[in-house]
Amino acid sequence: MKTNVTLKLDAALLREVRVLAAEQGKSMSAFLLDQLETLVRERKNYEQARRRAKALLRKGLKLRPAAPLSRAELHER
């Protein structure tokens, strides 16, 4: 379901938005819709990445090798 929205914009901002929309060959409505969808998608992606990172931190990382390395293996070139 789509709903109409009324915005109050400064005249200079409105002019710039019209130019940006025209440069992309879009109506102002389509341009603003794309921009808002991008913002929402980026926020969702950020939140998902944040949750994954926090889960990894809680789980912890295995930083030690399975078996001790010999001196030769440590200094292998």
Protein backbone atom coordinates (compact mmCIF):
# COMPACT_ATOMS: atom_id res chain seq x y z
CA MET A 1 0.00 0.00 0.00
CA LYS A 2 1.39 3.39 -0.96
CA THR A 3 0.65 6.56 0.95
CA ASN A 4 1.17 10.14 -0.14
CA VAL A 5 3.41 12.33 2.01
CA THR A 6 3.67 16.11 2.10
CA LEU A 7 7.07 17.67 2.73
CA LYS A 8 8.11 21.22 3.47
CA LEU A 9 11.49 21.93 1.92
CA ASP A 10 13.59 25.03 1.67
CA ALA A 11 13.42 26.44 -1.87
CA ALA A 12 17.17 26.03 -2.42
CA LEU A 13 17.07 22.41 -1.26
CA LEU A 14 14.07 21.70 -3.45
CA ARG A 15 15.91 23.12 -6.46
CA GLU A 16 18.95 20.90 -5.75
CA VAL A 17 16.78 17.79 -5.35
CA ARG A 18 15.08 18.54 -8.66
CA VAL A 19 18.48 18.81 -10.34
CA LEU A 20 19.69 15.53 -8.80
CA ALA A 21 16.52 13.74 -9.86
CA ALA A 22 16.75 15.14 -13.40
CA GLU A 23 20.41 14.06 -13.68
CA GLN A 24 19.29 10.51 -12.95
CA GLY A 25 16.31 10.76 -15.29
CA LYS A 26 13.84 10.26 -12.44
CA SER A 27 10.91 12.13 -11.03
CA MET A 28 11.46 13.71 -7.64
CA SER A 29 9.14 11.12 -6.12
CA ALA A 30 11.12 8.22 -7.62
CA PHE A 31 14.42 9.83 -6.65
CA LEU A 32 13.36 10.37 -3.03
CA LEU A 33 11.90 6.86 -2.85
CA ASP A 34 15.21 5.36 -4.02
CA GLN A 35 17.16 7.44 -1.51
CA LEU A 36 14.91 6.45 1.39
CA GLU A 37 14.99 2.77 0.43
CA THR A 38 18.80 2.94 0.30
CA LEU A 39 18.97 4.49 3.77
CA VAL A 40 16.67 1.84 5.25
CA ARG A 41 18.55 -1.02 3.53
CA GLU A 42 21.93 0.29 4.73
CA ARG A 43 20.63 0.60 8.28
CA LYS A 44 19.31 -2.98 8.23
CA ASN A 45 22.61 -4.27 6.80
CA TYR A 46 24.54 -2.39 9.48
CA GLU A 47 22.38 -3.81 12.24
CA GLN A 48 22.78 -7.37 10.90
CA ALA A 49 26.56 -6.96 10.70
CA ARG A 50 26.61 -5.51 14.22
CA ARG A 51 24.66 -8.47 15.60
CA ARG A 52 26.99 -10.95 13.84
CA ALA A 53 30.06 -9.15 15.17
CA LYS A 54 28.70 -9.13 18.72
CA ALA A 55 27.89 -12.85 18.47
CA LEU A 56 31.45 -13.57 17.32
CA LEU A 57 32.85 -11.53 20.20
CA ARG A 58 30.70 -13.44 22.69
CA LYS A 59 31.78 -16.75 21.16
CA GLY A 60 35.44 -15.74 21.18
CA LEU A 61 38.17 -16.52 18.72
CA LYS A 62 40.63 -19.39 18.74
CA LEU A 63 43.95 -17.60 18.45
CA ARG A 64 46.39 -20.40 19.31
CA PRO A 65 47.60 -23.07 16.89
CA ALA A 66 46.34 -26.61 17.49
CA ALA A 67 49.82 -27.92 18.32
CA PRO A 68 52.91 -26.01 19.42
CA LEU A 69 55.12 -25.06 16.50
CA SER A 70 58.80 -25.93 16.46
CA ARG A 71 61.44 -23.21 16.39
CA ALA A 72 62.13 -23.96 12.73
CA GLU A 73 58.42 -23.67 11.86
CA LEU A 74 58.13 -20.38 13.72
CA HIS A 75 61.09 -18.87 11.86
CA GLU A 76 60.44 -20.44 8.46
CA ARG A 77 61.12 -18.04 5.59
